[in-house]
Each structure stands twice: as structure tokens, then as C-alpha cells.
Amino acid sequence: MSSQDTHILIVDDDERIRSLLGRFLRKNGFLITCARDASQARRLLAGLDFDLVVLDVMMPGEDGYSLSRHLRERSDMPILMLTARGETGDRITGLESGADDYLAKPFEPRELLLRIAAILRRVPATETVQPKFLTLGMLRYDTEKAELWQGDSHLRLTGTEQALLRRLAASRGQAVSRSELIEDLGRGTGEESENSERAIDVQITRLRRKIEPDPKEPRFLQTVRGAGYMLVTD
């Protein structure tokens, strides 16, 4: 699911936070609807389909825990809970109420994006069938075995190259950010994230040498400026 296909409902009684989150997520390609409290959120949920709810805990009237339990009784829609209370007990309460993840305020906007991306990746894809083979010019990629072939010759990939190509093939035609690739390939996103991003760039360069007729003018493994990398197949 690309961000352009993703409709997020933000539920927070703080108008400033709703506005900031809405603008930030819209800039990152999401479709956003906001609700000022649980009552308004219930009305919106009754008439619109959403892919994820970003839900504040402490609201006047019905709180986020109660709304989360209400949603979970009726739907498997992902819930990311926001709160100024980051204690372990509160986090456990949030998860027990049905939330998929829990983010304590204040938080970095990039962390919010990473949490949303991680939740959406766990949502089972619907009506999407991955073909057994993808064609890259003279090459054939077996999506089930994660193997690359040229005619009858098997082209050797390192473990990292294999994982990288598998991830890009799963989102072919859509840009995948370096942060997502870092997380999916298990490199973490902490203090070493800058080095990890450079490591991803190095692996992309090596993979291009194996799949591109001209690695300096990539046709299949393209750079999408400001968004990441994208695999384009024939």
C-alpha cells in the first residue's frame, strides 16, 4: 500500500496537534481526515473507510482506550496510539485496548512516519498477487525463490542483495525509502542511521552492476529523488 492510497484518521482534542500532524502527513503523501474527539471520530468511521487511526489517549469525554476497544470489537483497522503518558503501565493498557503501536509525546515526526510505515507493512495485502517471475531486460527474477536468472544461468546474489531485491520487487513500481530498507533489512535506525543509509546506497550500486545493462544509467533500479529507490520491471 503506497502512502497515496492510505487514508488516515487523526483523533486528537488539541487543534494545534491535529493541524501539525495533518500538514506533516499530507506532505508525505497521505490522505488525512481529522476528528476533535471520540464522538466525531465515531461519526466519521460510520461513513468513511480508513486504513489507519492515529489516536490520542487523553481526550475529554470518551478517552482513546475506550474508542480503541470499540474499534477493535468491529474492525482489524490498525491503531497507532499517541499520549503524553509514556509509562510502561499506560503503554500496556493501550496495547491491551487493541492498539497496534504506542508513541509517547513529544516525538520526532520521522519516528511517526516509521511507525506508520511499519504498521501498514504488517497489514495483509488484499487482491495483490505477486507474479512468479519478473522480467528485467534479459534477466528473470523468481519472486518465490528470490533467484535471478539469465537464460539458464543462475546469477549469484549476496544475502543482502537478495533481501534488497526481494523487498523492492514486493513494491515494484513504487518508491521505497532508505529508512524503510534499513528497517526491513535489519540495520536499525538509531545513531548509526546515517552510516546505514550510506550502506544501503552501496548495496544499491552493487546490485545495479548485476542487473543493469548500464549501471550509470539505471533502467530497472531507479532513484526517485526525495523518496528512495524503485524497481521498474518490463
C-alpha atoms as a PDB file:
ATOM      1  CA  MET A   1       0.000   0.000   0.000  1.00  0.00           C
ATOM      2  CA  SER A   2       1.540   3.319  -1.045  1.00  0.00           C
ATOM      3  CA  SER A   3       1.060   6.482   1.001  1.00  0.00           C
ATOM      4  CA  GLN A   4      -1.083   7.924  -1.817  1.00  0.00           C
ATOM      5  CA  ASP A   5      -3.553   5.068  -1.275  1.00  0.00           C
ATOM      6  CA  THR A   6      -3.612   5.436   2.521  1.00  0.00           C
ATOM      7  CA  HIS A   7      -6.399   7.307   4.324  1.00  0.00           C
ATOM      8  CA  ILE A   8      -5.508   8.133   7.942  1.00  0.00           C
ATOM      9  CA  LEU A   9      -7.884   9.397  10.624  1.00  0.00           C
ATOM     10  CA  ILE A  10      -6.256  11.628  13.269  1.00  0.00           C
ATOM     11  CA  VAL A  11      -8.207  11.827  16.532  1.00  0.00           C
ATOM     12  CA  ASP A  12      -6.901  14.441  18.984  1.00  0.00           C
ATOM     13  CA  ASP A  13      -8.636  17.126  21.044  1.00  0.00           C
ATOM     14  CA  ASP A  14      -5.677  19.523  20.620  1.00  0.00           C
ATOM     15  CA  GLU A  15      -6.373  21.605  17.500  1.00  0.00           C
ATOM     16  CA  ARG A  16      -2.707  22.574  17.151  1.00  0.00           C
ATOM     17  CA  ILE A  17      -1.545  18.956  17.170  1.00  0.00           C
ATOM     18  CA  ARG A  18      -4.268  17.940  14.706  1.00  0.00           C
ATOM     19  CA  SER A  19      -3.205  20.708  12.367  1.00  0.00           C
ATOM     20  CA  LEU A  20       0.530  19.953  12.621  1.00  0.00           C
ATOM     21  CA  LEU A  21       0.089  16.214  12.170  1.00  0.00           C
ATOM     22  CA  GLY A  22      -2.346  16.714   9.309  1.00  0.00           C
ATOM     23  CA  ARG A  23       0.001  19.039   7.407  1.00  0.00           C
ATOM     24  CA  PHE A  24       3.030  16.825   8.003  1.00  0.00           C
ATOM     25  CA  LEU A  25       1.339  13.611   6.890  1.00  0.00           C
ATOM     26  CA  ARG A  26      -0.266  15.274   3.864  1.00  0.00           C
ATOM     27  CA  LYS A  27       3.205  16.496   2.805  1.00  0.00           C
ATOM     28  CA  ASN A  28       4.288  12.869   2.924  1.00  0.00           C
ATOM     29  CA  GLY A  29       1.512  11.809   0.567  1.00  0.00           C
ATOM     30  CA  PHE A  30      -1.210  10.561   2.918  1.00  0.00           C
ATOM     31  CA  LEU A  31      -4.915  11.385   2.691  1.00  0.00           C
ATOM     32  CA  ILE A  32      -5.875  12.850   6.071  1.00  0.00           C
ATOM     33  CA  THR A  33      -9.145  13.367   7.953  1.00  0.00           C
ATOM     34  CA  CYS A  34      -9.223  14.824  11.480  1.00  0.00           C
ATOM     35  CA  ALA A  35     -11.602  14.413  14.413  1.00  0.00           C
ATOM     36  CA  ARG A  36     -11.597  16.554  17.569  1.00  0.00           C
ATOM     37  CA  ASP A  37     -12.910  13.819  19.883  1.00  0.00           C
ATOM     38  CA  ALA A  38     -14.141  10.241  20.034  1.00  0.00           C
ATOM     39  CA  SER A  39     -17.731  11.212  19.247  1.00  0.00           C
ATOM     40  CA  GLN A  40     -16.780  12.910  15.987  1.00  0.00           C
ATOM     41  CA  ALA A  41     -14.439  10.022  15.160  1.00  0.00           C
ATOM     42  CA  ARG A  42     -17.285   7.525  15.572  1.00  0.00           C
ATOM     43  CA  ARG A  43     -19.439   9.504  13.133  1.00  0.00           C
ATOM     44  CA  LEU A  44     -16.629   9.659  10.580  1.00  0.00           C
ATOM     45  CA  LEU A  45     -15.852   5.963  10.967  1.00  0.00           C
ATOM     46  CA  ALA A  46     -19.504   5.123  10.367  1.00  0.00           C
ATOM     47  CA  GLY A  47     -19.447   6.754   6.940  1.00  0.00           C
ATOM     48  CA  LEU A  48     -15.849   6.558   5.679  1.00  0.00           C
ATOM     49  CA  ASP A  49     -13.223   3.864   5.212  1.00  0.00           C
ATOM     50  CA  PHE A  50      -9.812   4.425   6.787  1.00  0.00           C
ATOM     51  CA  ASP A  51      -6.592   2.461   6.594  1.00  0.00           C
ATOM     52  CA  LEU A  52      -5.210   3.564   9.972  1.00  0.00           C
ATOM     53  CA  VAL A  53      -6.213   5.633  13.013  1.00  0.00           C
ATOM     54  CA  VAL A  54      -3.762   7.868  14.881  1.00  0.00           C
ATOM     55  CA  LEU A  55      -5.487   8.151  18.240  1.00  0.00           C
ATOM     56  CA  ASP A  56      -4.775  10.383  21.245  1.00  0.00           C
ATOM     57  CA  VAL A  57      -5.408   8.806  24.651  1.00  0.00           C
ATOM     58  CA  MET A  58      -6.314  11.763  26.868  1.00  0.00           C
ATOM     59  CA  MET A  59      -9.427  13.444  25.443  1.00  0.00           C
ATOM     60  CA  PRO A  60     -12.481  14.986  27.117  1.00  0.00           C
ATOM     61  CA  GLY A  61     -15.444  12.637  27.223  1.00  0.00           C
ATOM     62  CA  GLU A  62     -14.591   9.206  25.857  1.00  0.00           C
ATOM     63  CA  ASP A  63     -10.846   8.540  26.035  1.00  0.00           C
ATOM     64  CA  GLY A  64      -8.654   6.823  23.477  1.00  0.00           C
ATOM     65  CA  TYR A  65      -8.579   3.495  25.326  1.00  0.00           C
ATOM     66  CA  SER A  66     -12.370   3.232  25.157  1.00  0.00           C
ATOM     67  CA  LEU A  67     -12.513   4.201  21.484  1.00  0.00           C
ATOM     68  CA  SER A  68      -9.744   1.727  20.684  1.00  0.00           C
ATOM     69  CA  ARG A  69     -11.684  -1.099  22.345  1.00  0.00           C
ATOM     70  CA  HIS A  70     -14.809  -0.047  20.425  1.00  0.00           C
ATOM     71  CA  LEU A  71     -12.915  -0.119  17.116  1.00  0.00           C
ATOM     72  CA  ARG A  72     -11.234  -3.416  17.825  1.00  0.00           C
ATOM     73  CA  GLU A  73     -14.571  -5.130  18.507  1.00  0.00           C
ATOM     74  CA  ARG A  74     -15.706  -4.175  14.996  1.00  0.00           C
ATOM     75  CA  SER A  75     -12.595  -3.972  12.844  1.00  0.00           C
ATOM     76  CA  ASP A  76      -8.978  -5.017  12.361  1.00  0.00           C
ATOM     77  CA  MET A  77      -8.077  -1.494  11.228  1.00  0.00           C
ATOM     78  CA  PRO A  78      -4.616  -0.563  12.597  1.00  0.00           C
ATOM     79  CA  ILE A  79      -4.446   1.873  15.523  1.00  0.00           C
ATOM     80  CA  LEU A  80      -1.418   3.968  16.486  1.00  0.00           C
ATOM     81  CA  MET A  81      -1.942   5.461  19.936  1.00  0.00           C
ATOM     82  CA  LEU A  82      -0.448   8.839  20.931  1.00  0.00           C
ATOM     83  CA  THR A  83      -0.137  10.036  24.515  1.00  0.00           C
ATOM     84  CA  ALA A  84       1.842  12.302  26.796  1.00  0.00           C
ATOM     85  CA  ARG A  85       1.915   9.422  29.274  1.00  0.00           C
ATOM     86  CA  GLY A  86       4.796   7.133  28.370  1.00  0.00           C
ATOM     87  CA  GLU A  87       4.901   4.929  31.465  1.00  0.00           C
ATOM     88  CA  THR A  88       5.011   1.168  30.966  1.00  0.00           C
ATOM     89  CA  GLY A  89       1.589   0.673  32.573  1.00  0.00           C
ATOM     90  CA  ASP A  90      -0.046   3.149  30.200  1.00  0.00           C
ATOM     91  CA  ARG A  91       1.645   1.550  27.208  1.00  0.00           C
ATOM     92  CA  ILE A  92       0.415  -1.879  28.256  1.00  0.00           C
ATOM     93  CA  THR A  93      -3.112  -0.517  28.741  1.00  0.00           C
ATOM     94  CA  GLY A  94      -3.015   0.936  25.242  1.00  0.00           C
ATOM     95  CA  LEU A  95      -1.867  -2.315  23.686  1.00  0.00           C
ATOM     96  CA  GLU A  96      -4.425  -4.284  25.684  1.00  0.00           C
ATOM     97  CA  SER A  97      -7.165  -1.983  24.383  1.00  0.00           C
ATOM     98  CA  GLY A  98      -6.290  -3.081  20.835  1.00  0.00           C
ATOM     99  CA  ALA A  99      -3.684  -0.565  19.667  1.00  0.00           C
ATOM    100  CA  ASP A 100      -1.043  -1.880  17.266  1.00  0.00           C
ATOM    101  CA  ASP A 101       1.614   0.543  18.480  1.00  0.00           C
ATOM    102  CA  TYR A 102       2.097   3.257  21.088  1.00  0.00           C
ATOM    103  CA  LEU A 103       4.046   6.513  20.678  1.00  0.00           C
ATOM    104  CA  ALA A 104       4.696   8.881  23.590  1.00  0.00           C
ATOM    105  CA  LYS A 105       4.656  12.658  23.107  1.00  0.00           C
ATOM    106  CA  PRO A 106       6.772  14.536  22.255  1.00  0.00           C
ATOM    107  CA  PHE A 107       8.087  12.528  19.309  1.00  0.00           C
ATOM    108  CA  GLU A 108      10.110  13.142  16.186  1.00  0.00           C
ATOM    109  CA  PRO A 109       7.979  13.386  13.012  1.00  0.00           C
ATOM    110  CA  ARG A 110      10.282  10.911  11.281  1.00  0.00           C
ATOM    111  CA  GLU A 111       9.597   8.365  14.019  1.00  0.00           C
ATOM    112  CA  LEU A 112       5.866   8.774  13.446  1.00  0.00           C
ATOM    113  CA  LEU A 113       6.383   8.041   9.734  1.00  0.00           C
ATOM    114  CA  LEU A 114       8.457   4.960  10.536  1.00  0.00           C
ATOM    115  CA  ARG A 115       5.843   3.666  12.980  1.00  0.00           C
ATOM    116  CA  ILE A 116       3.047   4.204  10.436  1.00  0.00           C
ATOM    117  CA  ALA A 117       5.075   2.500   7.698  1.00  0.00           C
ATOM    118  CA  ALA A 118       5.848  -0.462   9.968  1.00  0.00           C
ATOM    119  CA  ILE A 119       2.181  -0.893  10.918  1.00  0.00           C
ATOM    120  CA  LEU A 120       0.994  -0.704   7.300  1.00  0.00           C
ATOM    121  CA  ARG A 121       3.565  -3.303   6.231  1.00  0.00           C
ATOM    122  CA  ARG A 122       2.014  -5.717   8.716  1.00  0.00           C
ATOM    123  CA  VAL A 123      -1.438  -5.274   7.207  1.00  0.00           C
ATOM    124  CA  PRO A 124      -2.150  -8.231   4.875  1.00  0.00           C
ATOM    125  CA  ALA A 125      -2.262  -7.165   1.255  1.00  0.00           C
ATOM    126  CA  THR A 126      -5.577  -7.707  -0.492  1.00  0.00           C
ATOM    127  CA  GLU A 127      -6.205  -8.619  -4.092  1.00  0.00           C
ATOM    128  CA  THR A 128      -2.496  -8.369  -4.898  1.00  0.00           C
ATOM    129  CA  VAL A 129      -0.907 -11.396  -6.500  1.00  0.00           C
ATOM    130  CA  GLN A 130       2.849 -11.402  -6.830  1.00  0.00           C
ATOM    131  CA  PRO A 131       3.786 -12.963 -10.187  1.00  0.00           C
ATOM    132  CA  LYS A 132       6.217 -15.867 -10.045  1.00  0.00           C
ATOM    133  CA  PHE A 133       8.636 -14.179 -12.422  1.00  0.00           C
ATOM    134  CA  LEU A 134       9.579 -10.541 -13.053  1.00  0.00           C
ATOM    135  CA  THR A 135      11.431  -9.575 -16.218  1.00  0.00           C
ATOM    136  CA  LEU A 136      14.359  -7.167 -16.131  1.00  0.00           C
ATOM    137  CA  GLY A 137      15.519  -6.953 -19.742  1.00  0.00           C
ATOM    138  CA  MET A 138      17.495 -10.144 -20.386  1.00  0.00           C
ATOM    139  CA  LEU A 139      17.125 -11.202 -16.748  1.00  0.00           C
ATOM    140  CA  ARG A 140      14.360 -13.127 -14.984  1.00  0.00           C
ATOM    141  CA  TYR A 141      13.704 -12.794 -11.265  1.00  0.00           C
ATOM    142  CA  ASP A 142      11.984 -15.679  -9.468  1.00  0.00           C
ATOM    143  CA  THR A 143       9.928 -13.982  -6.739  1.00  0.00           C
ATOM    144  CA  GLU A 144       9.193 -17.240  -4.894  1.00  0.00           C
ATOM    145  CA  LYS A 145      12.817 -18.380  -4.664  1.00  0.00           C
ATOM    146  CA  ALA A 146      14.357 -14.871  -4.722  1.00  0.00           C
ATOM    147  CA  GLU A 147      16.681 -16.011  -7.522  1.00  0.00           C
ATOM    148  CA  LEU A 148      17.990 -14.075 -10.507  1.00  0.00           C
ATOM    149  CA  TRP A 149      18.463 -15.843 -13.836  1.00  0.00           C
ATOM    150  CA  GLN A 150      19.898 -15.009 -17.239  1.00  0.00           C
ATOM    151  CA  GLY A 151      18.627 -17.708 -19.558  1.00  0.00           C
ATOM    152  CA  ASP A 152      19.626 -20.980 -17.888  1.00  0.00           C
ATOM    153  CA  SER A 153      22.377 -19.343 -15.848  1.00  0.00           C
ATOM    154  CA  HIS A 154      21.754 -18.574 -12.187  1.00  0.00           C
ATOM    155  CA  LEU A 155      23.278 -15.223 -11.187  1.00  0.00           C
ATOM    156  CA  ARG A 156      24.663 -15.266  -7.669  1.00  0.00           C
ATOM    157  CA  LEU A 157      23.403 -12.627  -5.224  1.00  0.00           C
ATOM    158  CA  THR A 158      24.787 -11.967  -1.760  1.00  0.00           C
ATOM    159  CA  GLY A 159      22.383 -12.345   1.149  1.00  0.00           C
ATOM    160  CA  THR A 160      21.947  -8.570   1.409  1.00  0.00           C
ATOM    161  CA  GLU A 161      21.428  -8.169  -2.344  1.00  0.00           C
ATOM    162  CA  GLN A 162      18.868 -10.963  -2.259  1.00  0.00           C
ATOM    163  CA  ALA A 163      16.950  -9.314   0.623  1.00  0.00           C
ATOM    164  CA  LEU A 164      17.152  -5.921  -1.057  1.00  0.00           C
ATOM    165  CA  LEU A 165      15.833  -7.170  -4.398  1.00  0.00           C
ATOM    166  CA  ARG A 166      13.056  -9.139  -2.679  1.00  0.00           C
ATOM    167  CA  ARG A 167      11.892  -6.014  -0.810  1.00  0.00           C
ATOM    168  CA  LEU A 168      11.979  -3.813  -3.919  1.00  0.00           C
ATOM    169  CA  ALA A 169      10.220  -6.465  -6.011  1.00  0.00           C
ATOM    170  CA  ALA A 170       7.400  -6.622  -3.463  1.00  0.00           C
ATOM    171  CA  SER A 171       6.798  -2.886  -4.052  1.00  0.00           C
ATOM    172  CA  ARG A 172       7.712  -2.739  -7.728  1.00  0.00           C
ATOM    173  CA  GLY A 173       6.665   0.491  -9.368  1.00  0.00           C
ATOM    174  CA  GLN A 174       6.609   2.280  -6.004  1.00  0.00           C
ATOM    175  CA  ALA A 175       9.433   4.150  -4.299  1.00  0.00           C
ATOM    176  CA  VAL A 176      10.806   2.588  -1.108  1.00  0.00           C
ATOM    177  CA  SER A 177      12.666   4.961   1.202  1.00  0.00           C
ATOM    178  CA  ARG A 178      16.123   4.214   2.520  1.00  0.00           C
ATOM    179  CA  SER A 179      14.674   4.268   6.047  1.00  0.00           C
ATOM    180  CA  GLU A 180      12.236   1.504   5.114  1.00  0.00           C
ATOM    181  CA  LEU A 181      15.016  -0.520   3.502  1.00  0.00           C
ATOM    182  CA  ILE A 182      17.191  -0.083   6.575  1.00  0.00           C
ATOM    183  CA  GLU A 183      14.385  -1.290   8.834  1.00  0.00           C
ATOM    184  CA  ASP A 184      13.398  -4.200   6.604  1.00  0.00           C
ATOM    185  CA  LEU A 185      16.991  -5.336   6.186  1.00  0.00           C
ATOM    186  CA  GLY A 186      17.510  -5.160   9.950  1.00  0.00           C
ATOM    187  CA  ARG A 187      20.097  -2.384  10.127  1.00  0.00           C
ATOM    188  CA  GLY A 188      18.247  -0.244  12.666  1.00  0.00           C
ATOM    189  CA  THR A 189      17.534   3.485  12.623  1.00  0.00           C
ATOM    190  CA  GLY A 190      19.349   4.828  15.665  1.00  0.00           C
ATOM    191  CA  GLU A 191      22.565   6.816  15.880  1.00  0.00           C
ATOM    192  CA  GLU A 192      24.084   4.790  13.054  1.00  0.00           C
ATOM    193  CA  SER A 193      21.261   5.561  10.634  1.00  0.00           C
ATOM    194  CA  GLU A 194      23.398   7.890   8.514  1.00  0.00           C
ATOM    195  CA  ASN A 195      26.011   5.182   8.079  1.00  0.00           C
ATOM    196  CA  SER A 196      23.235   2.662   7.424  1.00  0.00           C
ATOM    197  CA  GLU A 197      21.798   4.846   4.683  1.00  0.00           C
ATOM    198  CA  ARG A 198      25.216   5.014   3.041  1.00  0.00           C
ATOM    199  CA  ALA A 199      25.434   1.224   3.320  1.00  0.00           C
ATOM    200  CA  ILE A 200      22.089   0.925   1.502  1.00  0.00           C
ATOM    201  CA  ASP A 201      23.435   3.187  -1.260  1.00  0.00           C
ATOM    202  CA  VAL A 202      26.493   0.956  -1.597  1.00  0.00           C
ATOM    203  CA  GLN A 203      24.327  -2.166  -1.854  1.00  0.00           C
ATOM    204  CA  ILE A 204      22.122  -0.487  -4.466  1.00  0.00           C
ATOM    205  CA  THR A 205      25.234   0.331  -6.519  1.00  0.00           C
ATOM    206  CA  ARG A 206      26.427  -3.285  -6.306  1.00  0.00           C
ATOM    207  CA  LEU A 207      23.022  -4.647  -7.236  1.00  0.00           C
ATOM    208  CA  ARG A 208      22.837  -2.312 -10.229  1.00  0.00           C
ATOM    209  CA  ARG A 209      26.099  -3.764 -11.516  1.00  0.00           C
ATOM    210  CA  LYS A 210      24.385  -7.146 -11.685  1.00  0.00           C
ATOM    211  CA  ILE A 211      21.012  -6.202 -13.168  1.00  0.00           C
ATOM    212  CA  GLU A 212      21.584  -3.071 -15.245  1.00  0.00           C
ATOM    213  CA  PRO A 213      22.947  -3.026 -18.829  1.00  0.00           C
ATOM    214  CA  ASP A 214      24.460   0.373 -17.893  1.00  0.00           C
ATOM    215  CA  PRO A 215      24.697   0.858 -14.106  1.00  0.00           C
ATOM    216  CA  LYS A 216      25.427   4.576 -14.592  1.00  0.00           C
ATOM    217  CA  GLU A 217      22.086   4.993 -16.385  1.00  0.00           C
ATOM    218  CA  PRO A 218      19.834   2.644 -14.376  1.00  0.00           C
ATOM    219  CA  ARG A 219      16.721   1.447 -16.138  1.00  0.00           C
ATOM    220  CA  PHE A 220      15.342  -1.069 -13.655  1.00  0.00           C
ATOM    221  CA  LEU A 221      16.606   0.058 -10.236  1.00  0.00           C
ATOM    222  CA  GLN A 222      15.785   3.740 -10.320  1.00  0.00           C
ATOM    223  CA  THR A 223      16.462   6.539  -7.844  1.00  0.00           C
ATOM    224  CA  VAL A 224      13.349   8.557  -7.015  1.00  0.00           C
ATOM    225  CA  ARG A 225      14.579  11.907  -5.790  1.00  0.00           C
ATOM    226  CA  GLY A 226      13.462  12.633  -2.263  1.00  0.00           C
ATOM    227  CA  ALA A 227      11.609   9.293  -1.980  1.00  0.00           C
ATOM    228  CA  GLY A 228      14.122   6.442  -2.263  1.00  0.00           C
ATOM    229  CA  TYR A 229      14.564   3.627  -4.745  1.00  0.00           C
ATOM    230  CA  MET A 230      12.106   1.925  -7.070  1.00  0.00           C
ATOM    231  CA  LEU A 231      12.238  -1.305  -9.060  1.00  0.00           C
ATOM    232  CA  VAL A 232      10.746  -0.995 -12.564  1.00  0.00           C
ATOM    233  CA  THR A 233      10.132  -4.216 -14.485  1.00  0.00           C
ATOM    234  CA  ASP A 234       9.299  -4.946 -18.108  1.00  0.00           C
END
